[in-house]
C-alpha atoms as a PDB file:
ATOM      1  CA  MET A   1       0.000   0.000   0.000  1.00  0.00           C
ATOM      2  CA  ASN A   2       1.316   3.442  -0.876  1.00  0.00           C
ATOM      3  CA  ASN A   3       1.717   5.358   2.396  1.00  0.00           C
ATOM      4  CA  ASN A   4       1.784   8.730   0.603  1.00  0.00           C
ATOM      5  CA  LYS A   5      -1.544   8.485  -1.130  1.00  0.00           C
ATOM      6  CA  GLN A   6      -3.396  10.356   1.615  1.00  0.00           C
ATOM      7  CA  ALA A   7      -1.067  13.366   1.327  1.00  0.00           C
ATOM      8  CA  VAL A   8      -3.381  15.092  -1.160  1.00  0.00           C
ATOM      9  CA  PRO A   9      -7.135  14.299  -1.192  1.00  0.00           C
ATOM     10  CA  PHE A  10      -8.521  12.888  -4.419  1.00  0.00           C
ATOM     11  CA  PRO A  11     -10.669  15.956  -5.280  1.00  0.00           C
ATOM     12  CA  LEU A  12      -7.605  18.199  -5.085  1.00  0.00           C
ATOM     13  CA  ARG A  13      -5.578  15.816  -7.215  1.00  0.00           C
ATOM     14  CA  GLU A  14      -8.389  15.746  -9.746  1.00  0.00           C
ATOM     15  CA  ASP A  15      -8.451  19.551  -9.817  1.00  0.00           C
ATOM     16  CA  LEU A  16      -4.710  19.549 -10.480  1.00  0.00           C
ATOM     17  CA  ARG A  17      -5.002  16.992 -13.273  1.00  0.00           C
ATOM     18  CA  SER A  18      -7.823  18.969 -14.860  1.00  0.00           C
ATOM     19  CA  LYS A  19      -5.921  22.259 -14.737  1.00  0.00           C
ATOM     20  CA  ILE A  20      -2.781  20.750 -16.257  1.00  0.00           C
ATOM     21  CA  PHE A  21      -4.441  18.655 -18.958  1.00  0.00           C
ATOM     22  CA  ASN A  22      -7.652  20.536 -19.755  1.00  0.00           C
ATOM     23  CA  GLN A  23      -6.390  21.855 -23.101  1.00  0.00           C
ATOM     24  CA  VAL A  24      -5.350  18.376 -24.221  1.00  0.00           C
ATOM     25  CA  TRP A  25      -8.507  16.689 -22.950  1.00  0.00           C
ATOM     26  CA  CYS A  26     -10.929  19.197 -24.445  1.00  0.00           C
ATOM     27  CA  TYR A  27      -9.276  19.816 -27.803  1.00  0.00           C
ATOM     28  CA  GLU A  28      -6.128  17.913 -28.736  1.00  0.00           C
ATOM     29  CA  LEU A  29      -7.207  14.342 -27.910  1.00  0.00           C
ATOM     30  CA  ASN A  30     -10.059  14.555 -30.395  1.00  0.00           C
ATOM     31  CA  ASP A  31      -7.538  14.951 -33.202  1.00  0.00           C
ATOM     32  CA  VAL A  32      -5.275  12.231 -31.775  1.00  0.00           C
ATOM     33  CA  PHE A  33      -7.998   9.591 -31.741  1.00  0.00           C
ATOM     34  CA  LEU A  34      -9.298  10.699 -35.114  1.00  0.00           C
ATOM     35  CA  ASP A  35      -5.803  10.052 -36.434  1.00  0.00           C
ATOM     36  CA  VAL A  36      -5.159   6.711 -34.705  1.00  0.00           C
ATOM     37  CA  ALA A  37      -8.610   5.143 -35.198  1.00  0.00           C
ATOM     38  CA  ARG A  38      -7.598   3.421 -38.443  1.00  0.00           C
ATOM     39  CA  TYR A  39      -4.643   1.596 -36.833  1.00  0.00           C
ATOM     40  CA  TYR A  40      -5.512   1.649 -33.123  1.00  0.00           C
ATOM     41  CA  GLU A  41      -5.614  -2.125 -32.572  1.00  0.00           C
ATOM     42  CA  ARG A  42      -2.451  -2.782 -34.596  1.00  0.00           C
ATOM     43  CA  ALA A  43      -0.556  -0.025 -32.783  1.00  0.00           C
ATOM     44  CA  ASN A  44      -1.570  -1.426 -29.396  1.00  0.00           C
ATOM     45  CA  TYR A  45      -0.397  -4.876 -30.472  1.00  0.00           C
ATOM     46  CA  VAL A  46       3.011  -3.470 -31.378  1.00  0.00           C
ATOM     47  CA  ALA A  47       3.280  -1.203 -28.324  1.00  0.00           C
ATOM     48  CA  THR A  48       2.524  -4.101 -25.955  1.00  0.00           C
ATOM     49  CA  LEU A  49       4.999  -6.416 -27.696  1.00  0.00           C
ATOM     50  CA  GLY A  50       2.193  -8.703 -28.823  1.00  0.00           C
ATOM     51  CA  LEU A  51       0.377  -8.772 -25.480  1.00  0.00           C
ATOM     52  CA  TRP A  52      -2.619  -6.655 -26.525  1.00  0.00           C
ATOM     53  CA  ASN A  53      -5.009  -9.559 -27.161  1.00  0.00           C
ATOM     54  CA  TRP A  54      -3.966 -11.189 -23.888  1.00  0.00           C
ATOM     55  CA  LEU A  55      -4.557  -7.938 -22.001  1.00  0.00           C
ATOM     56  CA  CYS A  56      -8.039  -7.597 -23.500  1.00  0.00           C
ATOM     57  CA  GLU A  57      -8.871 -11.226 -22.775  1.00  0.00           C
ATOM     58  CA  SER A  58      -7.575 -10.892 -19.201  1.00  0.00           C
ATOM     59  CA  PHE A  59      -9.936  -7.975 -18.595  1.00  0.00           C
ATOM     60  CA  LEU A  60     -12.868  -9.748 -20.225  1.00  0.00           C
ATOM     61  CA  ALA A  61     -12.245 -12.737 -17.961  1.00  0.00           C
ATOM     62  CA  THR A  62     -12.949 -10.552 -14.900  1.00  0.00           C
ATOM     63  CA  ILE A  63     -16.424  -9.577 -16.147  1.00  0.00           C
ATOM     64  CA  ASP A  64     -19.426 -11.603 -14.968  1.00  0.00           C
ATOM     65  CA  ILE A  65     -22.429 -11.468 -17.304  1.00  0.00           C
ATOM     66  CA  LYS A  66     -25.808 -13.154 -17.489  1.00  0.00           C
ATOM     67  CA  SER A  67     -28.321 -13.704 -20.245  1.00  0.00           C
ATOM     68  CA  GLY A  68     -30.337 -10.643 -21.223  1.00  0.00           C
ATOM     69  CA  GLN A  69     -28.366  -8.103 -19.224  1.00  0.00           C
ATOM     70  CA  ARG A  70     -27.985  -4.489 -20.334  1.00  0.00           C
ATOM     71  CA  VAL A  71     -24.320  -3.464 -20.622  1.00  0.00           C
ATOM     72  CA  LEU A  72     -22.789  -0.011 -21.048  1.00  0.00           C
ATOM     73  CA  ASP A  73     -19.274   0.149 -22.472  1.00  0.00           C
ATOM     74  CA  VAL A  74     -17.846   3.569 -21.549  1.00  0.00           C
ATOM     75  CA  CYS A  75     -15.054   4.939 -23.754  1.00  0.00           C
ATOM     76  CA  ALA A  76     -15.751   1.945 -25.957  1.00  0.00           C
ATOM     77  CA  GLY A  77     -13.233   2.861 -28.658  1.00  0.00           C
ATOM     78  CA  THR A  78     -13.276   0.136 -31.294  1.00  0.00           C
ATOM     79  CA  ASN A  79     -15.747  -2.051 -29.348  1.00  0.00           C
ATOM     80  CA  VAL A  80     -13.243  -4.707 -28.269  1.00  0.00           C
ATOM     81  CA  VAL A  81     -14.999  -5.257 -24.936  1.00  0.00           C
ATOM     82  CA  GLY A  82     -18.547  -5.179 -26.303  1.00  0.00           C
ATOM     83  CA  ILE A  83     -17.656  -7.670 -29.031  1.00  0.00           C
ATOM     84  CA  GLY A  84     -15.872  -9.924 -26.555  1.00  0.00           C
ATOM     85  CA  LEU A  85     -18.884  -9.969 -24.234  1.00  0.00           C
ATOM     86  CA  LEU A  86     -21.313 -10.672 -27.083  1.00  0.00           C
ATOM     87  CA  GLN A  87     -19.172 -13.593 -28.176  1.00  0.00           C
ATOM     88  CA  ARG A  88     -19.725 -15.077 -24.709  1.00  0.00           C
ATOM     89  CA  GLN A  89     -23.369 -14.050 -24.318  1.00  0.00           C
ATOM     90  CA  PRO A  90     -25.077 -13.173 -27.651  1.00  0.00           C
ATOM     91  CA  ASP A  91     -28.359 -11.960 -26.117  1.00  0.00           C
ATOM     92  CA  LEU A  92     -26.814  -9.068 -24.182  1.00  0.00           C
ATOM     93  CA  GLU A  93     -28.002  -5.544 -24.920  1.00  0.00           C
ATOM     94  CA  VAL A  94     -24.748  -3.642 -25.421  1.00  0.00           C
ATOM     95  CA  ILE A  95     -24.578   0.139 -25.643  1.00  0.00           C
ATOM     96  CA  ALA A  96     -21.261   1.820 -26.428  1.00  0.00           C
ATOM     97  CA  ILE A  97     -20.420   5.446 -25.729  1.00  0.00           C
ATOM     98  CA  ASP A  98     -17.281   7.235 -26.845  1.00  0.00           C
ATOM     99  CA  ARG A  99     -16.228  10.783 -27.711  1.00  0.00           C
ATOM    100  CA  CYS A 100     -14.636   9.773 -31.007  1.00  0.00           C
ATOM    101  CA  GLN A 101     -16.916   8.947 -33.903  1.00  0.00           C
ATOM    102  CA  ALA A 102     -14.027   7.592 -35.985  1.00  0.00           C
ATOM    103  CA  MET A 103     -13.176   5.008 -33.317  1.00  0.00           C
ATOM    104  CA  GLN A 104     -16.821   3.966 -33.045  1.00  0.00           C
ATOM    105  CA  GLU A 105     -17.105   3.687 -36.812  1.00  0.00           C
ATOM    106  CA  GLU A 106     -14.198   1.241 -36.819  1.00  0.00           C
ATOM    107  CA  GLY A 107     -15.774  -0.690 -33.966  1.00  0.00           C
ATOM    108  CA  GLY A 108     -19.155  -0.674 -35.681  1.00  0.00           C
ATOM    109  CA  LYS A 109     -17.670  -2.159 -38.842  1.00  0.00           C
ATOM    110  CA  THR A 110     -16.080  -4.979 -36.861  1.00  0.00           C
ATOM    111  CA  ALA A 111     -19.297  -5.722 -34.972  1.00  0.00           C
ATOM    112  CA  ALA A 112     -21.357  -5.706 -38.176  1.00  0.00           C
ATOM    113  CA  ARG A 113     -18.881  -8.022 -39.879  1.00  0.00           C
ATOM    114  CA  LEU A 114     -19.367 -10.473 -36.998  1.00  0.00           C
ATOM    115  CA  GLY A 115     -23.154 -10.143 -37.146  1.00  0.00           C
ATOM    116  CA  MET A 116     -23.371  -8.360 -33.783  1.00  0.00           C
ATOM    117  CA  LYS A 117     -25.490  -5.414 -32.725  1.00  0.00           C
ATOM    118  CA  ILE A 118     -23.897  -2.717 -30.578  1.00  0.00           C
ATOM    119  CA  THR A 119     -25.797   0.539 -30.154  1.00  0.00           C
ATOM    120  CA  SER A 120     -23.391   3.459 -30.437  1.00  0.00           C
ATOM    121  CA  GLN A 121     -23.645   6.903 -28.896  1.00  0.00           C
ATOM    122  CA  ILE A 122     -21.151   9.730 -29.333  1.00  0.00           C
ATOM    123  CA  GLY A 123     -20.914  11.967 -26.308  1.00  0.00           C
ATOM    124  CA  ASP A 124     -19.189  13.206 -23.184  1.00  0.00           C
ATOM    125  CA  VAL A 125     -18.800  10.369 -20.684  1.00  0.00           C
ATOM    126  CA  HIS A 126     -18.636  12.872 -17.808  1.00  0.00           C
ATOM    127  CA  ARG A 127     -22.397  13.345 -18.309  1.00  0.00           C
ATOM    128  CA  LEU A 128     -23.834  10.000 -19.330  1.00  0.00           C
ATOM    129  CA  PRO A 129     -27.102  10.431 -21.293  1.00  0.00           C
ATOM    130  CA  PHE A 130     -28.908   7.610 -19.474  1.00  0.00           C
ATOM    131  CA  GLN A 131     -31.404   7.431 -16.647  1.00  0.00           C
ATOM    132  CA  ASP A 132     -30.561   6.355 -13.115  1.00  0.00           C
ATOM    133  CA  ASN A 133     -30.382   2.634 -12.275  1.00  0.00           C
ATOM    134  CA  TYR A 134     -30.436   1.559 -15.917  1.00  0.00           C
ATOM    135  CA  PHE A 135     -27.533  -0.851 -16.506  1.00  0.00           C
ATOM    136  CA  ASP A 136     -26.671  -4.238 -15.060  1.00  0.00           C
ATOM    137  CA  VAL A 137     -23.003  -3.960 -16.017  1.00  0.00           C
ATOM    138  CA  VAL A 138     -20.751  -1.020 -16.913  1.00  0.00           C
ATOM    139  CA  THR A 139     -17.215  -1.319 -18.271  1.00  0.00           C
ATOM    140  CA  LEU A 140     -14.470   1.261 -18.764  1.00  0.00           C
ATOM    141  CA  GLN A 141     -11.065   0.436 -20.180  1.00  0.00           C
ATOM    142  CA  TYR A 142      -7.843   2.184 -21.206  1.00  0.00           C
ATOM    143  CA  ALA A 143      -9.205   5.715 -21.016  1.00  0.00           C
ATOM    144  CA  SER A 144      -9.369   6.781 -17.360  1.00  0.00           C
ATOM    145  CA  ARG A 145      -6.117   8.723 -17.389  1.00  0.00           C
ATOM    146  CA  HIS A 146      -7.672  11.006 -20.023  1.00  0.00           C
ATOM    147  CA  LEU A 147     -10.726  11.783 -17.885  1.00  0.00           C
ATOM    148  CA  ARG A 148     -11.862  13.642 -14.783  1.00  0.00           C
ATOM    149  CA  ILE A 149     -12.176  10.200 -13.363  1.00  0.00           C
ATOM    150  CA  MET A 150     -14.021  10.910 -10.118  1.00  0.00           C
ATOM    151  CA  GLU A 151     -16.801  12.538 -12.156  1.00  0.00           C
ATOM    152  CA  VAL A 152     -16.964   9.572 -14.518  1.00  0.00           C
ATOM    153  CA  PHE A 153     -16.944   7.014 -11.695  1.00  0.00           C
ATOM    154  CA  SER A 154     -19.802   8.933 -10.048  1.00  0.00           C
ATOM    155  CA  GLU A 155     -21.817   8.986 -13.276  1.00  0.00           C
ATOM    156  CA  ILE A 156     -21.250   5.274 -13.759  1.00  0.00           C
ATOM    157  CA  LYS A 157     -22.518   4.593 -10.246  1.00  0.00           C
ATOM    158  CA  ARG A 158     -25.609   6.698 -10.983  1.00  0.00           C
ATOM    159  CA  VAL A 159     -26.592   4.694 -14.082  1.00  0.00           C
ATOM    160  CA  LEU A 160     -25.857   1.298 -12.516  1.00  0.00           C
ATOM    161  CA  LYS A 161     -28.754  -0.655 -11.059  1.00  0.00           C
ATOM    162  CA  PRO A 162     -28.514  -1.632  -7.385  1.00  0.00           C
ATOM    163  CA  GLY A 163     -26.562  -4.862  -7.410  1.00  0.00           C
ATOM    164  CA  GLY A 164     -24.962  -3.916 -10.727  1.00  0.00           C
ATOM    165  CA  CYS A 165     -21.231  -4.232 -11.270  1.00  0.00           C
ATOM    166  CA  PHE A 166     -18.620  -1.852 -12.634  1.00  0.00           C
ATOM    167  CA  TYR A 167     -15.483  -3.242 -14.269  1.00  0.00           C
ATOM    168  CA  HIS A 168     -12.459  -1.059 -14.920  1.00  0.00           C
ATOM    169  CA  SER A 169      -9.103  -1.554 -16.582  1.00  0.00           C
ATOM    170  CA  ASP A 170      -6.326   0.863 -17.455  1.00  0.00           C
ATOM    171  CA  MET A 171      -2.637   1.583 -17.518  1.00  0.00           C
ATOM    172  CA  LEU A 172      -1.769   2.746 -14.005  1.00  0.00           C
ATOM    173  CA  LYS A 173       1.032   4.385 -12.063  1.00  0.00           C
ATOM    174  CA  PRO A 174       3.172   1.609 -10.519  1.00  0.00           C
ATOM    175  CA  ASP A 175       3.913   1.795  -6.798  1.00  0.00           C
ATOM    176  CA  ASN A 176       7.498   0.660  -7.356  1.00  0.00           C
ATOM    177  CA  ARG A 177       9.691   3.640  -8.313  1.00  0.00           C
ATOM    178  CA  LEU A 178      12.163   1.554 -10.326  1.00  0.00           C
ATOM    179  CA  ILE A 179       9.405  -0.087 -12.343  1.00  0.00           C
ATOM    180  CA  GLU A 180       7.793   3.316 -12.831  1.00  0.00           C
ATOM    181  CA  SER A 181      11.023   4.806 -14.219  1.00  0.00           C
ATOM    182  CA  MET A 182      11.617   1.858 -16.559  1.00  0.00           C
ATOM    183  CA  TYR A 183       7.982   1.964 -17.630  1.00  0.00           C
ATOM    184  CA  TYR A 184       8.139   5.616 -18.687  1.00  0.00           C
ATOM    185  CA  SER A 185      11.419   5.066 -20.511  1.00  0.00           C
ATOM    186  CA  TYR A 186       9.893   2.211 -22.457  1.00  0.00           C
ATOM    187  CA  LEU A 187       6.779   4.218 -23.278  1.00  0.00           C
ATOM    188  CA  ARG A 188       8.852   7.089 -24.664  1.00  0.00           C
ATOM    189  CA  ILE A 189      10.554   4.692 -27.043  1.00  0.00           C
ATOM    190  CA  CYS A 190       7.448   2.757 -28.070  1.00  0.00           C
ATOM    191  CA  LEU A 191       5.385   5.903 -28.676  1.00  0.00           C
ATOM    192  CA  SER A 192       8.040   7.151 -31.088  1.00  0.00           C
ATOM    193  CA  VAL A 193       8.386   3.771 -32.800  1.00  0.00           C
ATOM    194  CA  THR A 194       4.650   3.195 -33.268  1.00  0.00           C
ATOM    195  CA  ALA A 195       4.136   6.781 -34.471  1.00  0.00           C
ATOM    196  CA  TRP A 196       6.824   6.185 -37.102  1.00  0.00           C
ATOM    197  CA  MET A 197       5.577   2.707 -38.080  1.00  0.00           C
ATOM    198  CA  PHE A 198       1.969   3.766 -38.623  1.00  0.00           C
ATOM    199  CA  GLY A 199       2.582   7.223 -40.045  1.00  0.00           C
ATOM    200  CA  SER A 200       0.945   9.148 -37.214  1.00  0.00           C
ATOM    201  CA  GLY A 201      -0.046  12.740 -37.902  1.00  0.00           C
ATOM    202  CA  ASP A 202       1.036  15.859 -36.064  1.00  0.00           C
ATOM    203  CA  ALA A 203      -1.659  15.530 -33.394  1.00  0.00           C
ATOM    204  CA  ALA A 204      -0.371  12.159 -32.195  1.00  0.00           C
ATOM    205  CA  HIS A 205       3.273  13.251 -32.388  1.00  0.00           C
ATOM    206  CA  ASN A 206       2.563  16.390 -30.377  1.00  0.00           C
ATOM    207  CA  CYS A 207       0.903  14.432 -27.562  1.00  0.00           C
ATOM    208  CA  LYS A 208       3.735  11.971 -26.889  1.00  0.00           C
ATOM    209  CA  ASP A 209       4.915  13.849 -23.792  1.00  0.00           C
ATOM    210  CA  TYR A 210       1.323  14.181 -22.590  1.00  0.00           C
ATOM    211  CA  PHE A 211       0.838  10.403 -22.495  1.00  0.00           C
ATOM    212  CA  ILE A 212       3.777  10.073 -20.090  1.00  0.00           C
ATOM    213  CA  GLU A 213       2.734  13.011 -17.904  1.00  0.00           C
ATOM    214  CA  ALA A 214      -0.852  11.741 -17.728  1.00  0.00           C
ATOM    215  CA  LEU A 215       0.451   8.538 -16.147  1.00  0.00           C
ATOM    216  CA  ARG A 216       2.785  10.395 -13.778  1.00  0.00           C
ATOM    217  CA  LEU A 217      -0.208  12.245 -12.334  1.00  0.00           C
ATOM    218  CA  PHE A 218      -2.579   9.274 -12.403  1.00  0.00           C
ATOM    219  CA  TYR A 219      -3.227   6.682  -9.698  1.00  0.00           C
ATOM    220  CA  SER A 220      -1.979   3.311  -8.560  1.00  0.00           C
ATOM    221  CA  ALA A 221      -4.301   0.311  -8.271  1.00  0.00           C
ATOM    222  CA  ASP A 222      -4.603   0.780  -4.501  1.00  0.00           C
ATOM    223  CA  GLU A 223      -5.464   4.442  -4.939  1.00  0.00           C
ATOM    224  CA  LEU A 224      -8.210   3.670  -7.442  1.00  0.00           C
ATOM    225  CA  SER A 225      -9.618   1.063  -5.061  1.00  0.00           C
ATOM    226  CA  GLU A 226      -9.728   3.673  -2.313  1.00  0.00           C
ATOM    227  CA  MET A 227     -11.329   6.225  -4.632  1.00  0.00           C
ATOM    228  CA  LEU A 228     -14.059   3.777  -5.609  1.00  0.00           C
ATOM    229  CA  GLY A 229     -14.733   3.101  -1.930  1.00  0.00           C
ATOM    230  CA  GLN A 230     -14.942   6.802  -1.126  1.00  0.00           C
ATOM    231  CA  LEU A 231     -17.480   7.227  -3.925  1.00  0.00           C
ATOM    232  CA  GLY A 232     -19.740   4.603  -2.364  1.00  0.00           C
ATOM    233  CA  TYR A 233     -18.934   1.498  -4.369  1.00  0.00           C
ATOM    234  CA  GLN A 234     -18.966  -1.744  -2.400  1.00  0.00           C
ATOM    235  CA  GLN A 235     -17.005  -4.998  -2.611  1.00  0.00           C
ATOM    236  CA  VAL A 236     -14.136  -3.306  -4.437  1.00  0.00           C
ATOM    237  CA  ILE A 237     -11.566  -5.762  -5.775  1.00  0.00           C
ATOM    238  CA  GLY A 238      -8.373  -4.601  -7.474  1.00  0.00           C
ATOM    239  CA  LYS A 239      -5.528  -6.553  -9.016  1.00  0.00           C
ATOM    240  CA  THR A 240      -2.495  -5.677 -11.104  1.00  0.00           C
ATOM    241  CA  ILE A 241      -0.373  -7.350 -13.721  1.00  0.00           C
ATOM    242  CA  LEU A 242       2.905  -6.505 -15.416  1.00  0.00           C
ATOM    243  CA  GLY A 243       4.463  -4.993 -12.306  1.00  0.00           C
ATOM    244  CA  GLY A 244       1.528  -2.744 -11.505  1.00  0.00           C
ATOM    245  CA  THR A 245       1.520  -1.028 -14.897  1.00  0.00           C
ATOM    246  CA  VAL A 246      -1.957  -2.403 -15.696  1.00  0.00           C
ATOM    247  CA  GLY A 247      -4.789  -2.865 -13.247  1.00  0.00           C
ATOM    248  CA  PHE A 248      -8.266  -4.414 -13.157  1.00  0.00           C
ATOM    249  CA  HIS A 249     -11.021  -3.385 -10.739  1.00  0.00           C
ATOM    250  CA  LYS A 250     -14.441  -4.817  -9.977  1.00  0.00           C
ATOM    251  CA  SER A 251     -16.928  -3.015  -7.740  1.00  0.00           C
ATOM    252  CA  MET A 252     -20.643  -3.069  -7.021  1.00  0.00           C
ATOM    253  CA  LYS A 253     -23.436  -0.580  -6.434  1.00  0.00           C
ATOM    254  CA  MET A 254     -25.485  -1.677  -3.437  1.00  0.00           C
END
């Protein structure tokens, strides 16, 4: 457990993150994801040294689903999670929401090719356009460090039914300082390599430093578990892989 995590309360840390990254979050990331949508999955495969499919499958394995449930995939990107869940349980009602239409278009093509139905909405995940107590399951993956995450976690709790479960996965800040330093060094190299390999545009090139700084000011797995508890989630379970650089969380709305 990180003994320093109580030094600054979560709301103050969120205010700091928002002040530092607001310009990127509100304007620049739109262009980044518009650029990378066409090669997003391939770039992740390269950046993770071939582990991308395993990472996705590891997250999917944490998600419990039942026949006929209504699922919301937040920051759905190219619909990897929604498609994976429908492959396990074809009668789910899956709704995807993401800020980037280009990413959802890619995900929609993949779902259609597989004969799956995923309802797509483009919008701001800080204000989910759904009624209270509406979803049985909500997922969020590989996007939290780009969000005012306490606001998003609160919105997710609002739209979850009592007894519903929230599943989260993302790159996290490792507790171990040596691993953290090595991790950032690797990311600097792989961001440059993948940008070169896939012909990234100026928007993606200009945000390379941001992706490192966003992780520096993000949270460890233990910190996210504590945040979820403070927001009223129950039965919070967190686990990490790859030295704490990736984490999975499961929590419930009671």
